[in-house]
Amino acid sequence: MSRLHSGWLLCLVHAWASSISFAGLAPENVAVVVNADSPASVAVANEYVKLRGIPAANVITLSKLSHVEQMPVDKFRDEILGPVLKMIEERGLTLQI
């Protein structure tokens, strides 16, 4: 990942984390989605999980994702949203996340 993309990723995670803290969500109400094929994604996720005390069951790891800057909505639903929602359901987290 380029330095520019890493910088933007960190800024977005910080903004997102700040909004979550402001909203008052407890760690068990947060799902962290990690791109296992991206060392930057894994590093940011690990630090966020550690700092916020996110339960391990709430960490959802995906791999073999498309390497694109943008993707059509249907592809996003198939590769990311569908698997994330399925894992949330399988782990019994639907009512808390």
PDB file of N, CA and C in Angstrom:
ATOM      1  N   MET A   1       0.855  -1.164   0.000  1.00  0.00           N
ATOM      2  CA  MET A   1       0.000   0.000   0.000  1.00  0.00           C
ATOM      3  C   MET A   1       0.903   1.229   0.000  1.00  0.00           C
ATOM      4  N   SER A   2       0.581   2.201  -0.801  1.00  0.00           N
ATOM      5  CA  SER A   2       1.423   3.393  -0.875  1.00  0.00           C
ATOM      6  C   SER A   2       1.290   4.217   0.404  1.00  0.00           C
ATOM      7  N   ARG A   3       2.247   5.113   0.614  1.00  0.00           N
ATOM      8  CA  ARG A   3       2.208   5.963   1.810  1.00  0.00           C
ATOM      9  C   ARG A   3       0.951   6.821   1.814  1.00  0.00           C
ATOM     10  N   LEU A   4       0.541   7.286   0.613  1.00  0.00           N
ATOM     11  CA  LEU A   4      -0.660   8.105   0.522  1.00  0.00           C
ATOM     12  C   LEU A   4      -1.874   7.310   0.970  1.00  0.00           C
ATOM     13  N   HIS A   5      -2.012   6.080   0.456  1.00  0.00           N
ATOM     14  CA  HIS A   5      -3.155   5.252   0.836  1.00  0.00           C
ATOM     15  C   HIS A   5      -3.114   4.902   2.318  1.00  0.00           C
ATOM     16  N   SER A   6      -1.928   4.611   2.846  1.00  0.00           N
ATOM     17  CA  SER A   6      -1.799   4.307   4.273  1.00  0.00           C
ATOM     18  C   SER A   6      -2.219   5.503   5.117  1.00  0.00           C
ATOM     19  N   GLY A   7      -1.807   6.695   4.687  1.00  0.00           N
ATOM     20  CA  GLY A   7      -2.177   7.906   5.413  1.00  0.00           C
ATOM     21  C   GLY A   7      -3.673   8.133   5.423  1.00  0.00           C
ATOM     22  N   TRP A   8      -4.287   7.960   4.272  1.00  0.00           N
ATOM     23  CA  TRP A   8      -5.740   8.123   4.195  1.00  0.00           C
ATOM     24  C   TRP A   8      -6.449   7.078   5.031  1.00  0.00           C
ATOM     25  N   LEU A   9      -5.961   5.851   4.985  1.00  0.00           N
ATOM     26  CA  LEU A   9      -6.568   4.778   5.772  1.00  0.00           C
ATOM     27  C   LEU A   9      -6.530   5.127   7.254  1.00  0.00           C
ATOM     28  N   LEU A  10      -5.388   5.589   7.734  1.00  0.00           N
ATOM     29  CA  LEU A  10      -5.272   5.948   9.144  1.00  0.00           C
ATOM     30  C   LEU A  10      -6.185   7.113   9.504  1.00  0.00           C
ATOM     31  N   CYS A  11      -6.299   8.099   8.621  1.00  0.00           N
ATOM     32  CA  CYS A  11      -7.197   9.233   8.868  1.00  0.00           C
ATOM     33  C   CYS A  11      -8.648   8.779   8.941  1.00  0.00           C
ATOM     34  N   LEU A  12      -9.038   7.917   8.027  1.00  0.00           N
ATOM     35  CA  LEU A  12     -10.414   7.422   8.019  1.00  0.00           C
ATOM     36  C   LEU A  12     -10.717   6.603   9.264  1.00  0.00           C
ATOM     37  N   VAL A  13      -9.786   5.738   9.646  1.00  0.00           N
ATOM     38  CA  VAL A  13      -9.985   4.928  10.848  1.00  0.00           C
ATOM     39  C   VAL A  13     -10.090   5.833  12.071  1.00  0.00           C
ATOM     40  N   HIS A  14      -9.243   6.853  12.140  1.00  0.00           N
ATOM     41  CA  HIS A  14      -9.297   7.777  13.272  1.00  0.00           C
ATOM     42  C   HIS A  14     -10.646   8.502  13.322  1.00  0.00           C
ATOM     43  N   ALA A  15     -11.098   8.994  12.183  1.00  0.00           N
ATOM     44  CA  ALA A  15     -12.382   9.695  12.139  1.00  0.00           C
ATOM     45  C   ALA A  15     -13.521   8.756  12.518  1.00  0.00           C
ATOM     46  N   TRP A  16     -13.461   7.540  12.006  1.00  0.00           N
ATOM     47  CA  TRP A  16     -14.494   6.549  12.302  1.00  0.00           C
ATOM     48  C   TRP A  16     -14.465   6.191  13.783  1.00  0.00           C
ATOM     49  N   ALA A  17     -13.272   5.970  14.317  1.00  0.00           N
ATOM     50  CA  ALA A  17     -13.134   5.612  15.727  1.00  0.00           C
ATOM     51  C   ALA A  17     -13.630   6.746  16.621  1.00  0.00           C
ATOM     52  N   SER A  18     -13.345   7.977  16.241  1.00  0.00           N
ATOM     53  CA  SER A  18     -13.806   9.120  17.023  1.00  0.00           C
ATOM     54  C   SER A  18     -15.320   9.197  17.027  1.00  0.00           C
ATOM     55  N   SER A  19     -15.934   8.936  15.885  1.00  0.00           N
ATOM     56  CA  SER A  19     -17.391   8.996  15.820  1.00  0.00           C
ATOM     57  C   SER A  19     -18.015   7.874  16.631  1.00  0.00           C
ATOM     58  N   ILE A  20     -17.375   6.714  16.650  1.00  0.00           N
ATOM     59  CA  ILE A  20     -17.887   5.605  17.454  1.00  0.00           C
ATOM     60  C   ILE A  20     -17.791   5.951  18.936  1.00  0.00           C
ATOM     61  N   SER A  21     -16.667   6.499  19.353  1.00  0.00           N
ATOM     62  CA  SER A  21     -16.500   6.880  20.751  1.00  0.00           C
ATOM     63  C   SER A  21     -17.536   7.923  21.144  1.00  0.00           C
ATOM     64  N   PHE A  22     -17.762   8.873  20.263  1.00  0.00           N
ATOM     65  CA  PHE A  22     -18.737   9.913  20.533  1.00  0.00           C
ATOM     66  C   PHE A  22     -20.133   9.325  20.651  1.00  0.00           C
ATOM     67  N   ALA A  23     -20.444   8.341  19.823  1.00  0.00           N
ATOM     68  CA  ALA A  23     -21.763   7.723  19.834  1.00  0.00           C
ATOM     69  C   ALA A  23     -21.964   6.864  21.072  1.00  0.00           C
ATOM     70  N   GLY A  24     -20.891   6.524  21.770  1.00  0.00           N
ATOM     71  CA  GLY A  24     -21.008   5.770  23.001  1.00  0.00           C
ATOM     72  C   GLY A  24     -21.180   4.279  22.819  1.00  0.00           C
ATOM     73  N   LEU A  25     -20.778   3.744  21.690  1.00  0.00           N
ATOM     74  CA  LEU A  25     -20.895   2.309  21.480  1.00  0.00           C
ATOM     75  C   LEU A  25     -19.881   1.575  22.339  1.00  0.00           C
ATOM     76  N   ALA A  26     -20.327   0.500  22.947  1.00  0.00           N
ATOM     77  CA  ALA A  26     -19.433  -0.337  23.739  1.00  0.00           C
ATOM     78  C   ALA A  26     -18.639  -1.238  22.801  1.00  0.00           C
ATOM     79  N   PRO A  27     -17.493  -1.743  23.248  1.00  0.00           N
ATOM     80  CA  PRO A  27     -16.669  -2.604  22.392  1.00  0.00           C
ATOM     81  C   PRO A  27     -17.428  -3.791  21.802  1.00  0.00           C
ATOM     82  N   GLU A  28     -18.349  -4.361  22.564  1.00  0.00           N
ATOM     83  CA  GLU A  28     -19.089  -5.521  22.047  1.00  0.00           C
ATOM     84  C   GLU A  28     -20.105  -5.154  20.972  1.00  0.00           C
ATOM     85  N   ASN A  29     -20.318  -3.859  20.754  1.00  0.00           N
ATOM     86  CA  ASN A  29     -21.246  -3.400  19.721  1.00  0.00           C
ATOM     87  C   ASN A  29     -20.553  -3.010  18.426  1.00  0.00           C
ATOM     88  N   VAL A  30     -19.255  -3.281  18.345  1.00  0.00           N
ATOM     89  CA  VAL A  30     -18.460  -2.889  17.184  1.00  0.00           C
ATOM     90  C   VAL A  30     -17.905  -4.127  16.493  1.00  0.00           C
ATOM     91  N   ALA A  31     -18.011  -4.163  15.173  1.00  0.00           N
ATOM     92  CA  ALA A  31     -17.353  -5.202  14.376  1.00  0.00           C
ATOM     93  C   ALA A  31     -16.185  -4.546  13.651  1.00  0.00           C
ATOM     94  N   VAL A  32     -15.052  -5.214  13.669  1.00  0.00           N
ATOM     95  CA  VAL A  32     -13.871  -4.727  12.961  1.00  0.00           C
ATOM     96  C   VAL A  32     -13.631  -5.658  11.784  1.00  0.00           C
ATOM     97  N   VAL A  33     -13.663  -5.112  10.578  1.00  0.00           N
ATOM     98  CA  VAL A  33     -13.463  -5.902   9.366  1.00  0.00           C
ATOM     99  C   VAL A  33     -12.031  -5.676   8.891  1.00  0.00           C
ATOM    100  N   VAL A  34     -11.312  -6.784   8.693  1.00  0.00           N
ATOM    101  CA  VAL A  34      -9.889  -6.735   8.375  1.00  0.00           C
ATOM    102  C   VAL A  34      -9.629  -7.404   7.033  1.00  0.00           C
ATOM    103  N   ASN A  35      -8.842  -6.750   6.191  1.00  0.00           N
ATOM    104  CA  ASN A  35      -8.369  -7.361   4.952  1.00  0.00           C
ATOM    105  C   ASN A  35      -7.089  -8.123   5.298  1.00  0.00           C
ATOM    106  N   ALA A  36      -7.184  -9.441   5.380  1.00  0.00           N
ATOM    107  CA  ALA A  36      -6.050 -10.274   5.793  1.00  0.00           C
ATOM    108  C   ALA A  36      -4.874 -10.186   4.833  1.00  0.00           C
ATOM    109  N   ASP A  37      -5.114  -9.772   3.610  1.00  0.00           N
ATOM    110  CA  ASP A  37      -4.056  -9.685   2.604  1.00  0.00           C
ATOM    111  C   ASP A  37      -3.315  -8.347   2.634  1.00  0.00           C
ATOM    112  N   SER A  38      -3.711  -7.459   3.526  1.00  0.00           N
ATOM    113  CA  SER A  38      -3.091  -6.137   3.616  1.00  0.00           C
ATOM    114  C   SER A  38      -2.418  -5.974   4.979  1.00  0.00           C
ATOM    115  N   PRO A  39      -1.091  -5.940   5.002  1.00  0.00           N
ATOM    116  CA  PRO A  39      -0.399  -5.732   6.280  1.00  0.00           C
ATOM    117  C   PRO A  39      -0.843  -4.443   6.987  1.00  0.00           C
ATOM    118  N   ALA A  40      -1.125  -3.395   6.225  1.00  0.00           N
ATOM    119  CA  ALA A  40      -1.580  -2.138   6.830  1.00  0.00           C
ATOM    120  C   ALA A  40      -2.943  -2.317   7.491  1.00  0.00           C
ATOM    121  N   SER A  41      -3.853  -3.020   6.825  1.00  0.00           N
ATOM    122  CA  SER A  41      -5.174  -3.272   7.388  1.00  0.00           C
ATOM    123  C   SER A  41      -5.068  -4.087   8.669  1.00  0.00           C
ATOM    124  N   VAL A  42      -4.232  -5.108   8.654  1.00  0.00           N
ATOM    125  CA  VAL A  42      -4.043  -5.963   9.831  1.00  0.00           C
ATOM    126  C   VAL A  42      -3.450  -5.147  10.983  1.00  0.00           C
ATOM    127  N   ALA A  43      -2.453  -4.324  10.688  1.00  0.00           N
ATOM    128  CA  ALA A  43      -1.804  -3.520  11.730  1.00  0.00           C
ATOM    129  C   ALA A  43      -2.776  -2.523  12.357  1.00  0.00           C
ATOM    130  N   VAL A  44      -3.536  -1.814  11.516  1.00  0.00           N
ATOM    131  CA  VAL A  44      -4.499  -0.833  12.023  1.00  0.00           C
ATOM    132  C   VAL A  44      -5.581  -1.540  12.836  1.00  0.00           C
ATOM    133  N   ALA A  45      -6.095  -2.649  12.326  1.00  0.00           N
ATOM    134  CA  ALA A  45      -7.138  -3.394  13.036  1.00  0.00           C
ATOM    135  C   ALA A  45      -6.633  -3.893  14.385  1.00  0.00           C
ATOM    136  N   ASN A  46      -5.442  -4.465  14.409  1.00  0.00           N
ATOM    137  CA  ASN A  46      -4.890  -4.980  15.666  1.00  0.00           C
ATOM    138  C   ASN A  46      -4.754  -3.876  16.709  1.00  0.00           C
ATOM    139  N   GLU A  47      -4.266  -2.731  16.293  1.00  0.00           N
ATOM    140  CA  GLU A  47      -4.103  -1.613  17.229  1.00  0.00           C
ATOM    141  C   GLU A  47      -5.462  -1.121  17.721  1.00  0.00           C
ATOM    142  N   TYR A  48      -6.426  -0.997  16.812  1.00  0.00           N
ATOM    143  CA  TYR A  48      -7.762  -0.533  17.188  1.00  0.00           C
ATOM    144  C   TYR A  48      -8.424  -1.507  18.157  1.00  0.00           C
ATOM    145  N   VAL A  49      -8.327  -2.802  17.861  1.00  0.00           N
ATOM    146  CA  VAL A  49      -8.907  -3.838  18.727  1.00  0.00           C
ATOM    147  C   VAL A  49      -8.282  -3.759  20.121  1.00  0.00           C
ATOM    148  N   LYS A  50      -6.980  -3.596  20.164  1.00  0.00           N
ATOM    149  CA  LYS A  50      -6.272  -3.518  21.447  1.00  0.00           C
ATOM    150  C   LYS A  50      -6.694  -2.272  22.231  1.00  0.00           C
ATOM    151  N   LEU A  51      -6.716  -1.120  21.572  1.00  0.00           N
ATOM    152  CA  LEU A  51      -7.043   0.132  22.251  1.00  0.00           C
ATOM    153  C   LEU A  51      -8.485   0.188  22.742  1.00  0.00           C
ATOM    154  N   ARG A  52      -9.402  -0.349  21.952  1.00  0.00           N
ATOM    155  CA  ARG A  52     -10.827  -0.285  22.297  1.00  0.00           C
ATOM    156  C   ARG A  52     -11.327  -1.512  23.045  1.00  0.00           C
ATOM    157  N   GLY A  53     -10.518  -2.557  23.154  1.00  0.00           N
ATOM    158  CA  GLY A  53     -10.948  -3.764  23.854  1.00  0.00           C
ATOM    159  C   GLY A  53     -12.041  -4.513  23.115  1.00  0.00           C
ATOM    160  N   ILE A  54     -11.958  -4.536  21.802  1.00  0.00           N
ATOM    161  CA  ILE A  54     -12.955  -5.231  20.979  1.00  0.00           C
ATOM    162  C   ILE A  54     -12.795  -6.739  21.192  1.00  0.00           C
ATOM    163  N   PRO A  55     -13.886  -7.464  21.473  1.00  0.00           N
ATOM    164  CA  PRO A  55     -13.785  -8.917  21.640  1.00  0.00           C
ATOM    165  C   PRO A  55     -13.312  -9.595  20.352  1.00  0.00           C
ATOM    166  N   ALA A  56     -12.557 -10.672  20.502  1.00  0.00           N
ATOM    167  CA  ALA A  56     -12.024 -11.402  19.343  1.00  0.00           C
ATOM    168  C   ALA A  56     -13.132 -11.862  18.405  1.00  0.00           C
ATOM    169  N   ALA A  57     -14.283 -12.234  18.949  1.00  0.00           N
ATOM    170  CA  ALA A  57     -15.398 -12.696  18.112  1.00  0.00           C
ATOM    171  C   ALA A  57     -15.920 -11.598  17.197  1.00  0.00           C
ATOM    172  N   ASN A  58     -15.629 -10.350  17.524  1.00  0.00           N
ATOM    173  CA  ASN A  58     -16.111  -9.224  16.727  1.00  0.00           C
ATOM    174  C   ASN A  58     -15.138  -8.803  15.636  1.00  0.00           C
ATOM    175  N   VAL A  59     -14.026  -9.516  15.524  1.00  0.00           N
ATOM    176  CA  VAL A  59     -13.044  -9.227  14.476  1.00  0.00           C
ATOM    177  C   VAL A  59     -13.316 -10.160  13.302  1.00  0.00           C
ATOM    178  N   ILE A  60     -13.650  -9.590  12.173  1.00  0.00           N
ATOM    179  CA  ILE A  60     -14.013 -10.352  10.979  1.00  0.00           C
ATOM    180  C   ILE A  60     -12.918 -10.164   9.943  1.00  0.00           C
ATOM    181  N   THR A  61     -12.273 -11.261   9.596  1.00  0.00           N
ATOM    182  CA  THR A  61     -11.148 -11.222   8.669  1.00  0.00           C
ATOM    183  C   THR A  61     -11.572 -11.763   7.313  1.00  0.00           C
ATOM    184  N   LEU A  62     -11.324 -10.983   6.285  1.00  0.00           N
ATOM    185  CA  LEU A  62     -11.615 -11.390   4.914  1.00  0.00           C
ATOM    186  C   LEU A  62     -10.305 -11.489   4.147  1.00  0.00           C
ATOM    187  N   SER A  63     -10.266 -12.384   3.173  1.00  0.00           N
ATOM    188  CA  SER A  63      -9.074 -12.496   2.331  1.00  0.00           C
ATOM    189  C   SER A  63      -9.498 -12.706   0.887  1.00  0.00           C
ATOM    190  N   LYS A  64      -8.515 -12.624   0.008  1.00  0.00           N
ATOM    191  CA  LYS A  64      -8.731 -12.798  -1.433  1.00  0.00           C
ATOM    192  C   LYS A  64      -9.742 -11.799  -1.981  1.00  0.00           C
ATOM    193  N   LEU A  65      -9.661 -10.564  -1.474  1.00  0.00           N
ATOM    194  CA  LEU A  65     -10.531  -9.504  -1.968  1.00  0.00           C
ATOM    195  C   LEU A  65      -9.949  -8.921  -3.246  1.00  0.00           C
ATOM    196  N   SER A  66     -10.802  -8.317  -4.042  1.00  0.00           N
ATOM    197  CA  SER A  66     -10.341  -7.648  -5.259  1.00  0.00           C
ATOM    198  C   SER A  66      -9.403  -6.512  -4.888  1.00  0.00           C
ATOM    199  N   HIS A  67      -8.366  -6.329  -5.672  1.00  0.00           N
ATOM    200  CA  HIS A  67      -7.400  -5.255  -5.436  1.00  0.00           C
ATOM    201  C   HIS A  67      -7.736  -4.079  -6.343  1.00  0.00           C
ATOM    202  N   VAL A  68      -8.786  -3.359  -5.978  1.00  0.00           N
ATOM    203  CA  VAL A  68      -9.238  -2.225  -6.781  1.00  0.00           C
ATOM    204  C   VAL A  68      -9.510  -1.032  -5.866  1.00  0.00           C
ATOM    205  N   GLU A  69      -9.421   0.156  -6.437  1.00  0.00           N
ATOM    206  CA  GLU A  69      -9.737   1.375  -5.691  1.00  0.00           C
ATOM    207  C   GLU A  69     -11.249   1.538  -5.533  1.00  0.00           C
ATOM    208  N   GLN A  70     -11.978   1.126  -6.552  1.00  0.00           N
ATOM    209  CA  GLN A  70     -13.436   1.216  -6.538  1.00  0.00           C
ATOM    210  C   GLN A  70     -13.988  -0.097  -7.055  1.00  0.00           C
ATOM    211  N   MET A  71     -15.206  -0.434  -6.609  1.00  0.00           N
ATOM    212  CA  MET A  71     -15.847  -1.635  -7.141  1.00  0.00           C
ATOM    213  C   MET A  71     -17.345  -1.396  -7.243  1.00  0.00           C
ATOM    214  N   PRO A  72     -17.979  -2.072  -8.194  1.00  0.00           N
ATOM    215  CA  PRO A  72     -19.428  -1.945  -8.334  1.00  0.00           C
ATOM    216  C   PRO A  72     -20.130  -2.443  -7.064  1.00  0.00           C
ATOM    217  N   VAL A  73     -21.297  -1.907  -6.807  1.00  0.00           N
ATOM    218  CA  VAL A  73     -22.056  -2.260  -5.609  1.00  0.00           C
ATOM    219  C   VAL A  73     -22.290  -3.765  -5.519  1.00  0.00           C
ATOM    220  N   ASP A  74     -22.642  -4.405  -6.629  1.00  0.00           N
ATOM    221  CA  ASP A  74     -22.910  -5.848  -6.599  1.00  0.00           C
ATOM    222  C   ASP A  74     -21.682  -6.634  -6.157  1.00  0.00           C
ATOM    223  N   LYS A  75     -20.515  -6.233  -6.634  1.00  0.00           N
ATOM    224  CA  LYS A  75     -19.275  -6.916  -6.256  1.00  0.00           C
ATOM    225  C   LYS A  75     -18.977  -6.680  -4.774  1.00  0.00           C
ATOM    226  N   PHE A  76     -19.205  -5.455  -4.285  1.00  0.00           N
ATOM    227  CA  PHE A  76     -19.029  -5.152  -2.865  1.00  0.00           C
ATOM    228  C   PHE A  76     -19.935  -6.043  -2.015  1.00  0.00           C
ATOM    229  N   ARG A  77     -21.182  -6.176  -2.439  1.00  0.00           N
ATOM    230  CA  ARG A  77     -22.123  -7.020  -1.687  1.00  0.00           C
ATOM    231  C   ARG A  77     -21.664  -8.470  -1.653  1.00  0.00           C
ATOM    232  N   ASP A  78     -21.159  -8.967  -2.790  1.00  0.00           N
ATOM    233  CA  ASP A  78     -20.719 -10.364  -2.878  1.00  0.00           C
ATOM    234  C   ASP A  78     -19.431 -10.630  -2.108  1.00  0.00           C
ATOM    235  N   GLU A  79     -18.452  -9.738  -2.230  1.00  0.00           N
ATOM    236  CA  GLU A  79     -17.125  -9.981  -1.653  1.00  0.00           C
ATOM    237  C   GLU A  79     -16.985  -9.531  -0.202  1.00  0.00           C
ATOM    238  N   ILE A  80     -17.712  -8.489   0.178  1.00  0.00           N
ATOM    239  CA  ILE A  80     -17.486  -7.910   1.506  1.00  0.00           C
ATOM    240  C   ILE A  80     -18.745  -7.955   2.375  1.00  0.00           C
ATOM    241  N   LEU A  81     -19.791  -7.280   1.965  1.00  0.00           N
ATOM    242  CA  LEU A  81     -20.976  -7.165   2.809  1.00  0.00           C
ATOM    243  C   LEU A  81     -21.598  -8.522   3.126  1.00  0.00           C
ATOM    244  N   GLY A  82     -21.802  -9.350   2.116  1.00  0.00           N
ATOM    245  CA  GLY A  82     -22.408 -10.665   2.338  1.00  0.00           C
ATOM    246  C   GLY A  82     -21.626 -11.512   3.327  1.00  0.00           C
ATOM    247  N   PRO A  83     -20.319 -11.703   3.099  1.00  0.00           N
ATOM    248  CA  PRO A  83     -19.532 -12.489   4.050  1.00  0.00           C
ATOM    249  C   PRO A  83     -19.502 -11.892   5.461  1.00  0.00           C
ATOM    250  N   VAL A  84     -19.443 -10.574   5.571  1.00  0.00           N
ATOM    251  CA  VAL A  84     -19.425  -9.943   6.896  1.00  0.00           C
ATOM    252  C   VAL A  84     -20.740 -10.212   7.624  1.00  0.00           C
ATOM    253  N   LEU A  85     -21.856  -9.991   6.956  1.00  0.00           N
ATOM    254  CA  LEU A  85     -23.156 -10.234   7.586  1.00  0.00           C
ATOM    255  C   LEU A  85     -23.332 -11.707   7.956  1.00  0.00           C
ATOM    256  N   LYS A  86     -22.840 -12.602   7.105  1.00  0.00           N
ATOM    257  CA  LYS A  86     -22.925 -14.038   7.389  1.00  0.00           C
ATOM    258  C   LYS A  86     -22.131 -14.391   8.649  1.00  0.00           C
ATOM    259  N   MET A  87     -20.916 -13.855   8.768  1.00  0.00           N
ATOM    260  CA  MET A  87     -20.095 -14.143   9.952  1.00  0.00           C
ATOM    261  C   MET A  87     -20.708 -13.552  11.217  1.00  0.00           C
ATOM    262  N   ILE A  88     -21.283 -12.367  11.108  1.00  0.00           N
ATOM    263  CA  ILE A  88     -21.950 -11.761  12.266  1.00  0.00           C
ATOM    264  C   ILE A  88     -23.085 -12.665  12.730  1.00  0.00           C
ATOM    265  N   GLU A  89     -23.860 -13.172  11.788  1.00  0.00           N
ATOM    266  CA  GLU A  89     -24.974 -14.057  12.129  1.00  0.00           C
ATOM    267  C   GLU A  89     -24.474 -15.377  12.715  1.00  0.00           C
ATOM    268  N   GLU A  90     -23.468 -15.989  12.070  1.00  0.00           N
ATOM    269  CA  GLU A  90     -22.934 -17.267  12.544  1.00  0.00           C
ATOM    270  C   GLU A  90     -22.366 -17.166  13.954  1.00  0.00           C
ATOM    271  N   ARG A  91     -21.834 -16.022  14.299  1.00  0.00           N
ATOM    272  CA  ARG A  91     -21.231 -15.826  15.626  1.00  0.00           C
ATOM    273  C   ARG A  91     -22.246 -15.364  16.672  1.00  0.00           C
ATOM    274  N   GLY A  92     -23.505 -15.243  16.270  1.00  0.00           N
ATOM    275  CA  GLY A  92     -24.548 -14.830  17.206  1.00  0.00           C
ATOM    276  C   GLY A  92     -24.442 -13.378  17.640  1.00  0.00           C
ATOM    277  N   LEU A  93     -23.938 -12.528  16.760  1.00  0.00           N
ATOM    278  CA  LEU A  93     -23.714 -11.121  17.101  1.00  0.00           C
ATOM    279  C   LEU A  93     -24.756 -10.181  16.499  1.00  0.00           C
ATOM    280  N   THR A  94     -25.737 -10.728  15.822  1.00  0.00           N
ATOM    281  CA  THR A  94     -26.694  -9.907  15.073  1.00  0.00           C
ATOM    282  C   THR A  94     -27.386  -8.858  15.940  1.00  0.00           C
ATOM    283  N   LEU A  95     -27.779  -9.209  17.144  1.00  0.00           N
ATOM    284  CA  LEU A  95     -28.527  -8.268  17.983  1.00  0.00           C
ATOM    285  C   LEU A  95     -27.656  -7.219  18.662  1.00  0.00           C
ATOM    286  N   GLN A  96     -26.345  -7.438  18.695  1.00  0.00           N
ATOM    287  CA  GLN A  96     -25.493  -6.467  19.389  1.00  0.00           C
ATOM    288  C   GLN A  96     -24.694  -5.569  18.462  1.00  0.00           C
ATOM    289  N   ILE A  97     -24.564  -5.941  17.193  1.00  0.00           N
ATOM    290  CA  ILE A  97     -23.807  -5.104  16.256  1.00  0.00           C
ATOM    291  C   ILE A  97     -24.777  -4.447  15.294  1.00  0.00           C
TER     292      ILE A  97
END
